[in-house]
Structures are given as C-alpha cells and as structure tokens.
N, C-alpha and C. Protein backbone atom coordinates (compact mmCIF):
# COMPACT_ATOMS: atom_id res chain seq x y z
N MET A 1 103.59 87.78 140.33
CA MET A 1 104.13 87.77 141.63
C MET A 1 105.89 88.28 141.33
N PRO A 2 106.01 89.55 141.48
CA PRO A 2 107.35 89.98 141.11
C PRO A 2 108.59 89.71 142.00
N SER A 3 108.20 89.47 143.31
CA SER A 3 109.22 89.22 144.24
C SER A 3 108.87 88.22 145.41
N PRO A 4 108.67 86.99 144.98
CA PRO A 4 108.41 85.95 146.06
C PRO A 4 109.42 85.92 147.09
N TRP A 5 109.10 85.77 148.33
CA TRP A 5 110.19 85.74 149.37
C TRP A 5 109.99 84.28 150.15
N GLY A 6 108.89 84.26 150.76
CA GLY A 6 108.58 83.13 151.77
C GLY A 6 107.56 82.26 151.19
N ILE A 7 107.58 80.89 151.59
CA ILE A 7 106.64 79.90 151.23
C ILE A 7 106.35 79.03 152.34
N ALA A 8 105.02 78.73 152.71
CA ALA A 8 104.65 77.70 153.68
C ALA A 8 103.62 76.79 153.09
N LEU A 9 103.53 75.64 153.55
CA LEU A 9 102.54 74.57 153.12
C LEU A 9 101.78 73.98 154.06
N HIS A 10 100.48 73.82 153.96
CA HIS A 10 99.63 73.34 154.96
C HIS A 10 98.57 72.40 154.32
N ARG A 11 98.56 71.14 154.43
CA ARG A 11 97.61 70.21 153.68
C ARG A 11 97.78 70.55 151.97
N ASP A 12 96.70 70.84 151.42
CA ASP A 12 96.89 71.12 150.07
C ASP A 12 96.84 72.54 149.66
N ASN A 13 97.43 73.39 150.59
CA ASN A 13 97.46 74.95 150.50
C ASN A 13 98.97 75.24 150.43
N ILE A 14 99.20 76.26 149.55
CA ILE A 14 100.54 76.93 149.32
C ILE A 14 100.22 78.33 149.62
N TYR A 15 101.15 78.94 150.68
CA TYR A 15 101.02 80.35 150.82
C TYR A 15 102.40 80.96 150.61
N VAL A 16 102.43 82.10 149.72
CA VAL A 16 103.63 82.79 149.38
C VAL A 16 103.64 84.21 149.78
N THR A 17 104.68 84.71 150.14
CA THR A 17 104.77 86.15 150.45
C THR A 17 105.34 86.77 149.28
N ASP A 18 105.03 88.10 148.90
CA ASP A 18 105.58 88.82 147.80
C ASP A 18 106.17 90.20 148.50
N TYR A 19 107.21 90.26 148.51
CA TYR A 19 107.98 91.40 149.12
C TYR A 19 107.59 92.75 148.43
N TRP A 20 107.43 92.97 147.09
CA TRP A 20 107.42 94.16 146.38
C TRP A 20 105.97 94.41 146.47
N THR A 21 105.06 93.62 146.36
CA THR A 21 103.57 93.81 146.34
C THR A 21 102.86 93.84 147.63
N HIS A 22 103.63 93.63 148.60
CA HIS A 22 103.19 93.64 149.99
C HIS A 22 102.02 92.77 150.15
N ALA A 23 102.15 91.53 149.77
CA ALA A 23 101.01 90.59 149.71
C ALA A 23 101.36 89.09 150.18
N VAL A 24 100.29 88.51 150.47
CA VAL A 24 100.36 87.06 150.72
C VAL A 24 99.33 86.30 149.73
N LEU A 25 100.02 85.38 148.94
CA LEU A 25 99.03 84.74 148.05
C LEU A 25 98.88 83.24 148.53
N HIS A 26 97.51 82.84 148.34
CA HIS A 26 97.13 81.35 148.53
C HIS A 26 96.78 80.87 147.41
N PHE A 27 97.44 79.46 147.21
CA PHE A 27 97.26 78.65 146.13
C PHE A 27 96.58 77.27 146.68
N LYS A 28 95.99 76.63 145.76
CA LYS A 28 95.49 75.21 146.26
C LYS A 28 96.14 74.17 145.20
N MET A 29 96.65 73.16 145.81
CA MET A 29 97.11 72.04 144.98
C MET A 29 96.17 70.98 144.96
N LYS A 30 95.62 70.88 143.72
CA LYS A 30 94.75 69.64 143.37
C LYS A 30 95.45 69.01 142.30
N GLN A 31 94.79 68.66 141.17
CA GLN A 31 95.35 68.23 139.93
C GLN A 31 96.30 69.29 139.25
N GLN A 32 95.85 70.56 139.46
CA GLN A 32 96.59 71.62 139.04
C GLN A 32 96.81 72.86 140.20
N ILE A 33 97.74 73.48 140.36
CA ILE A 33 97.80 74.50 141.18
C ILE A 33 97.18 75.90 140.73
N ARG A 34 96.15 76.32 141.58
CA ARG A 34 95.44 77.44 141.25
C ARG A 34 95.45 78.48 142.24
N HIS A 35 95.27 79.68 141.89
CA HIS A 35 95.33 80.80 142.83
C HIS A 35 93.86 81.00 143.47
N VAL A 36 94.04 81.18 144.82
CA VAL A 36 92.70 81.17 145.39
C VAL A 36 92.26 82.53 146.00
N ALA A 37 93.40 83.19 146.60
CA ALA A 37 93.30 84.27 147.39
C ALA A 37 94.57 85.26 147.48
N THR A 38 94.33 86.46 147.61
CA THR A 38 95.35 87.32 147.93
C THR A 38 95.05 88.26 149.10
N PHE A 39 96.01 88.35 150.08
CA PHE A 39 95.73 89.26 151.21
C PHE A 39 96.79 90.55 150.98
N GLY A 40 96.45 91.69 151.14
CA GLY A 40 97.33 92.85 151.16
C GLY A 40 96.63 93.87 150.15
N ARG A 41 96.41 95.01 150.76
CA ARG A 41 95.84 96.05 149.83
C ARG A 41 96.82 97.27 149.79
N GLY A 42 98.14 96.77 149.21
CA GLY A 42 99.05 97.81 149.00
C GLY A 42 99.95 98.05 150.31
N ARG A 43 100.98 98.70 150.35
CA ARG A 43 101.81 98.97 151.47
C ARG A 43 101.19 99.81 152.40
N GLY A 44 101.21 99.29 153.71
CA GLY A 44 100.59 100.17 154.89
C GLY A 44 100.54 99.37 156.04
N SER A 45 99.95 99.90 157.04
CA SER A 45 99.87 99.43 158.40
C SER A 45 98.55 99.09 158.88
N SER A 46 97.57 99.26 157.92
CA SER A 46 96.24 98.87 158.41
C SER A 46 96.10 97.29 158.56
N ASP A 47 95.07 96.81 159.23
CA ASP A 47 94.66 95.56 159.24
C ASP A 47 94.64 94.62 157.92
N LYS A 48 94.36 95.40 156.99
CA LYS A 48 94.37 94.83 155.46
C LYS A 48 95.53 95.01 154.68
N GLN A 49 96.66 95.51 155.39
CA GLN A 49 97.88 95.89 154.64
C GLN A 49 98.97 95.15 155.36
N LEU A 50 100.09 95.00 154.56
CA LEU A 50 101.42 94.53 154.88
C LEU A 50 102.59 95.71 154.54
N ASN A 51 103.67 95.51 155.15
CA ASN A 51 104.88 96.46 154.96
C ASN A 51 106.12 95.59 154.80
N TYR A 52 106.26 95.10 153.67
CA TYR A 52 107.46 94.13 153.28
C TYR A 52 107.24 92.86 154.03
N PRO A 53 106.40 92.07 153.64
CA PRO A 53 106.32 90.75 154.35
C PRO A 53 107.44 89.75 153.86
N LEU A 54 107.92 89.12 154.91
CA LEU A 54 108.99 88.19 154.45
C LEU A 54 108.76 86.76 154.72
N GLY A 55 109.17 86.09 155.87
CA GLY A 55 108.97 84.75 156.22
C GLY A 55 107.43 84.46 156.74
N LEU A 56 107.16 83.24 156.55
CA LEU A 56 105.73 82.93 156.99
C LEU A 56 105.82 81.43 157.42
N THR A 57 104.59 81.03 158.24
CA THR A 57 104.49 79.52 158.55
C THR A 57 102.96 79.48 158.76
N VAL A 58 102.60 78.11 158.97
CA VAL A 58 101.04 77.90 159.10
C VAL A 58 101.11 76.87 160.39
N SER A 59 100.08 77.33 161.21
CA SER A 59 99.84 76.56 162.51
C SER A 59 99.08 75.31 162.09
N THR A 60 98.96 74.37 162.89
CA THR A 60 98.35 73.09 162.75
C THR A 60 96.95 73.32 162.52
N ASP A 61 96.23 74.32 163.01
CA ASP A 61 94.91 74.81 162.55
C ASP A 61 94.69 75.55 161.37
N GLY A 62 95.80 75.76 160.60
CA GLY A 62 95.76 76.40 159.39
C GLY A 62 95.95 77.97 159.35
N ASP A 63 96.13 78.72 160.62
CA ASP A 63 96.30 80.06 160.56
C ASP A 63 97.56 80.33 160.03
N VAL A 64 97.67 81.45 159.25
CA VAL A 64 98.91 81.84 158.64
C VAL A 64 99.64 82.88 159.47
N PHE A 65 100.90 82.81 159.94
CA PHE A 65 101.48 83.83 160.59
C PHE A 65 102.60 84.41 159.71
N VAL A 66 102.58 85.70 159.43
CA VAL A 66 103.43 86.44 158.54
C VAL A 66 104.42 87.40 159.19
N ALA A 67 105.63 87.36 158.97
CA ALA A 67 106.50 88.45 159.42
C ALA A 67 106.39 89.58 158.77
N ASP A 68 105.77 90.66 159.33
CA ASP A 68 105.41 91.94 158.53
C ASP A 68 106.47 92.92 159.05
N CYS A 69 107.57 92.71 158.26
CA CYS A 69 108.89 93.38 158.51
C CYS A 69 108.74 94.96 159.12
N ASP A 70 108.41 95.71 158.11
CA ASP A 70 108.59 97.08 158.52
C ASP A 70 107.34 97.70 159.23
N ASN A 71 106.47 96.82 159.66
CA ASN A 71 105.37 97.17 160.65
C ASN A 71 105.76 96.57 161.94
N HIS A 72 106.92 95.96 162.00
CA HIS A 72 107.41 95.35 163.32
C HIS A 72 106.50 94.56 164.02
N ARG A 73 105.85 93.52 163.35
CA ARG A 73 104.88 92.72 163.98
C ARG A 73 104.65 91.52 163.17
N ILE A 74 104.08 90.43 163.85
CA ILE A 74 103.48 89.21 163.09
C ILE A 74 102.00 89.44 162.89
N LYS A 75 101.68 89.19 161.61
CA LYS A 75 100.26 89.34 161.32
C LYS A 75 99.65 87.92 161.22
N ILE A 76 98.45 87.72 161.92
CA ILE A 76 97.99 86.29 161.88
C ILE A 76 96.77 86.58 161.01
N LEU A 77 96.70 85.53 160.08
CA LEU A 77 95.38 85.46 159.05
C LEU A 77 94.88 84.08 159.21
N ASP A 78 93.55 83.93 158.82
CA ASP A 78 92.79 82.69 158.87
C ASP A 78 93.42 81.98 157.69
N PRO A 79 92.96 80.65 157.53
CA PRO A 79 93.44 79.80 156.31
C PRO A 79 92.95 80.59 155.04
N SER A 80 91.87 81.38 155.03
CA SER A 80 91.30 81.98 153.74
C SER A 80 91.97 83.38 153.68
N LEU A 81 93.00 83.70 154.39
CA LEU A 81 93.63 85.09 154.37
C LEU A 81 92.79 86.05 154.90
N ARG A 82 91.92 85.94 155.83
CA ARG A 82 91.27 86.92 156.57
C ARG A 82 92.02 87.38 157.69
N PHE A 83 92.12 88.66 158.03
CA PHE A 83 92.86 89.15 159.16
C PHE A 83 92.18 88.57 160.48
N LYS A 84 93.11 88.17 161.40
CA LYS A 84 92.73 87.70 162.69
C LYS A 84 93.16 88.66 163.83
N ARG A 85 94.59 88.84 163.79
CA ARG A 85 95.02 89.88 164.84
C ARG A 85 96.56 89.97 164.48
N HIS A 86 97.23 90.89 165.29
CA HIS A 86 98.64 91.10 165.25
C HIS A 86 99.15 90.60 166.58
N VAL A 87 100.52 90.30 166.37
CA VAL A 87 101.30 90.13 167.62
C VAL A 87 102.38 91.09 167.48
N THR A 88 102.52 92.02 168.52
CA THR A 88 103.57 92.99 168.51
C THR A 88 104.21 93.05 169.85
N HIS A 89 105.44 93.45 169.92
CA HIS A 89 106.22 93.71 171.26
C HIS A 89 107.19 94.74 171.19
N GLN A 90 107.66 95.46 171.89
CA GLN A 90 108.63 96.52 171.89
C GLN A 90 109.87 95.88 171.28
N SER A 91 110.28 94.66 171.53
CA SER A 91 111.53 94.22 171.15
C SER A 91 111.50 93.35 169.97
N MET A 92 110.33 93.46 169.11
CA MET A 92 110.04 92.83 167.83
C MET A 92 110.54 94.02 166.70
N LYS A 93 111.70 93.91 166.41
CA LYS A 93 112.22 95.05 165.32
C LYS A 93 112.40 94.21 163.97
N LYS A 94 111.70 94.51 163.03
CA LYS A 94 111.89 94.14 161.69
C LYS A 94 111.98 92.57 161.63
N PRO A 95 110.83 91.87 162.07
CA PRO A 95 110.78 90.51 161.95
C PRO A 95 111.23 90.01 160.51
N ARG A 96 112.13 88.99 160.39
CA ARG A 96 112.40 88.46 159.19
C ARG A 96 111.83 87.13 158.86
N ASP A 97 111.63 86.37 159.95
CA ASP A 97 110.81 84.99 159.79
C ASP A 97 110.29 84.62 160.97
N VAL A 98 109.36 83.65 160.87
CA VAL A 98 108.52 83.17 162.03
C VAL A 98 108.25 81.74 161.88
N LYS A 99 108.50 80.98 162.93
CA LYS A 99 108.26 79.51 162.97
C LYS A 99 107.52 79.22 164.44
N LEU A 100 106.83 78.08 164.27
CA LEU A 100 105.88 77.72 165.30
C LEU A 100 106.46 76.36 166.01
N THR A 101 106.15 76.31 167.26
CA THR A 101 106.01 75.07 167.89
C THR A 101 104.50 74.92 168.51
N ARG A 102 104.34 73.81 169.08
CA ARG A 102 102.91 73.61 169.70
C ARG A 102 102.60 74.91 170.52
N ASP A 103 103.58 75.19 171.43
CA ASP A 103 103.36 76.33 172.41
C ASP A 103 103.95 77.68 172.11
N GLU A 104 104.92 77.73 171.18
CA GLU A 104 105.83 79.01 171.05
C GLU A 104 105.90 79.38 169.75
N MET A 105 106.26 80.80 169.57
CA MET A 105 106.40 81.40 168.23
C MET A 105 108.02 81.88 168.30
N TYR A 106 108.68 81.51 167.39
CA TYR A 106 110.09 81.99 167.18
C TYR A 106 110.21 82.87 166.21
N VAL A 107 110.66 84.18 166.38
CA VAL A 107 110.69 85.30 165.65
C VAL A 107 112.15 85.65 165.40
N LEU A 108 112.72 85.48 164.29
CA LEU A 108 113.94 85.97 163.90
C LEU A 108 113.85 87.55 163.57
N CYS A 109 114.57 88.48 164.45
CA CYS A 109 114.53 89.83 164.23
C CYS A 109 115.75 90.46 163.77
N ASP A 110 115.71 91.40 162.94
CA ASP A 110 116.85 92.23 162.27
C ASP A 110 117.76 93.10 163.09
N ASP A 111 117.10 93.54 164.22
CA ASP A 111 117.66 94.59 165.04
C ASP A 111 118.95 94.05 165.67
N SER A 112 119.04 92.73 165.81
CA SER A 112 120.21 92.09 166.57
C SER A 112 120.21 90.75 166.08
N PRO A 113 121.36 90.01 166.23
CA PRO A 113 121.36 88.69 165.93
C PRO A 113 120.63 87.87 166.89
N CYS A 114 119.34 87.98 166.96
CA CYS A 114 118.58 87.41 167.99
C CYS A 114 117.29 86.70 167.59
N VAL A 115 116.91 85.72 168.22
CA VAL A 115 115.52 85.11 168.19
C VAL A 115 114.86 85.41 169.31
N ARG A 116 113.61 86.18 169.00
CA ARG A 116 112.72 86.16 170.19
C ARG A 116 111.80 85.10 170.27
N VAL A 117 111.39 84.71 171.43
CA VAL A 117 110.50 83.65 171.70
C VAL A 117 109.18 84.20 172.32
N PHE A 118 108.12 83.83 171.71
CA PHE A 118 106.75 84.41 172.39
C PHE A 118 105.70 83.27 172.58
N SER A 119 104.80 83.47 173.27
CA SER A 119 103.64 82.50 173.46
C SER A 119 102.80 82.85 172.29
N HIS A 120 102.02 81.96 171.74
CA HIS A 120 101.12 82.32 170.64
C HIS A 120 100.22 83.30 170.96
N ALA A 121 99.93 83.76 172.29
CA ALA A 121 99.11 84.92 172.64
C ALA A 121 99.91 86.15 172.48
N GLY A 122 101.28 86.16 172.41
CA GLY A 122 102.04 87.28 172.03
C GLY A 122 102.83 87.67 173.23
N GLU A 123 103.11 87.12 174.33
CA GLU A 123 103.83 87.28 175.29
C GLU A 123 105.21 86.85 175.26
N MET A 124 106.30 87.75 175.18
CA MET A 124 107.69 87.31 174.99
C MET A 124 108.19 86.45 176.28
N THR A 125 108.61 85.31 176.05
CA THR A 125 109.20 84.42 177.01
C THR A 125 110.51 84.42 177.20
N ARG A 126 111.41 84.70 176.05
CA ARG A 126 112.88 84.74 176.26
C ARG A 126 113.49 85.15 174.86
N SER A 127 114.70 85.46 174.97
CA SER A 127 115.35 85.79 173.67
C SER A 127 116.61 84.73 173.57
N LEU A 128 116.86 84.18 172.27
CA LEU A 128 117.92 83.22 172.12
C LEU A 128 118.96 84.24 171.42
N VAL A 129 120.02 84.34 171.79
CA VAL A 129 121.21 85.06 171.08
C VAL A 129 122.01 84.10 170.30
N THR A 130 122.09 84.63 169.03
CA THR A 130 122.72 83.56 168.02
C THR A 130 124.14 84.08 167.81
C-alpha cells in the first residue's frame, strides 16, 4: 500500500483507499488483521476502476462509498467490494471526501469551498458554502 489516504470502519471490517494504486483494500479484524479483498483494476473510469480514490465511508448496511476524485463521482461498492453503482452530478467536481447520515450523503468537492448534499439515490438537495 504505497499511498494510503482514507480509512473507514464497519463492525470488524477496515476499508482503506490507496491513492497511487487506485484501489480500495478490505481487511478483517479478528485476532489478527488480514487482507480480504481489493477493488480496483488500475487507473481508469470503468465500473471496476478508480481514478485517485480519496475519502470513503461505510453505510449502516455495509456499503462502501468512495470519493472517486478524478472520475468526478462517488462509487458505491457492496461490503465485499463488488461494484453496485455510481452517484454522479454535474456539480460534483473532484470529490475529496464523503460522509453519510441516515438520509443524506455529504460530498466535499474540490472545485470550490463547498459541500454538496445528495440523497442516497444521488439527487442533489443543496450546497453548503464553507
């Protein structure tokens, strides 16, 4: 893991983004920490690729939300790191981090000092100027 960037925890799972390898790594915490899976097939824009992943978070049901910075989207993976879907919006420029509430997704974007707020389905509801 040459350039770890973000970390998220869910139950006995650890998820880490690696900026330079364009990947998300999944580890299990039992008596020892062990590597379970990796998502990312090199830098790119396909469903199986990331382009500089940064922050990430995990929903209560275990889905992993990844700020896929240079693809200008949030990539959603299941708990085993299988692709589920993307959230994209014309106002989502270079997302740096993502956090969730029960009903909303907060995305810190690089294009302006602004937090974009979306529903979990991907509809932008508002912007919070910082």
